[in-house]
Every structure is written in structure tokens, then in C-alpha cells.
């Protein structure tokens, strides 16, 4: 994300390798941060609050969108004060760029890779649970240890 420059068409140039259309245009820029508008909707209070915030460049994904972590941190700032912690499930946050384009928080490439790895490693487990259930083995449920399920399948096949 080095060599980022403002362009007259509102996009960003530079060495990111992405087209200017996919990146948000920022309200302001410093050496280390970009300025965007965040809107937080509080489900409990049923109110919407907006403000301009600075987002560190290190907290932007490859598309130039803020990560989930910084979104949560900036949303928490609306409810600052001693002893007043908010649960992330009680509000939602959206971002807006200088062109009025709204978007949600994004994941970095590293986060996407981790999620894909977790999903791929879970799939064989769920297939194992389904196989055991199809065999008619009693007491099989999601959450059991893989080793326990494999042992029950082995015992069932011997019987």
C-alpha cells in the first residue's frame, strides 16, 4: 500500500495493482492514515450516529476498505466512557467515502486465507459426522471429538 496518491477522478493510484474503481476515495490523507466517514446504528437505542474518523493505512485491506477490527474499535469510540463497554453484536457499522459510496468492513487477504483454511478443515469433520449418522450409530452429534466418532464407526463396522 505504498506510494498512494490522490487522483483527480477520486480514485487512488499507486502500486496496489487494483483498479481505481474498486477503491474508495478518501476525505483526507496523511502519511499514515486516511479519513472516512463511519455510521454506527445502535440496535438497543435505535439511533444512528455518524462521524469522520482517521483510519491507519495499516488497517486497510487490499481494496482500501477498513478491516473488521478497526471498524469495531471506531464504533466503540461512540460509546466511550468509564465502565461502558458495548458488545459488537449490539450495533452495526458502515463506511462512506467522499463520493458517497457506502460499504462494509472488509477482510485482509491473510484473514481470507485463514477463513478458507478453517472452512476446509471443518468440511471433513462434518462429513464424518454425517457418515456416522447414516450408518445409524446412536449418540453421534456435532461437537464430539473426531477420534471418538472414528472409534464408534470402527466398532459399528466390526459388529
Foldseek 3Di string as FASTA:
>chain_A
DPPWDQDPVQFTDDDLPDDRVLAFRFPDDDPFWTKWKKWKQFQVVRDIDIDIDTDGQVQAASSHFGAPVVNVVVNQVVQDDPPGGDDPVRMAMWIAHPVRDIDHHDHHPVVVVVVVVVVVVVVVVVVLLVVLVVLVQPPRDPPDDPVVSVVSVVVSVVD
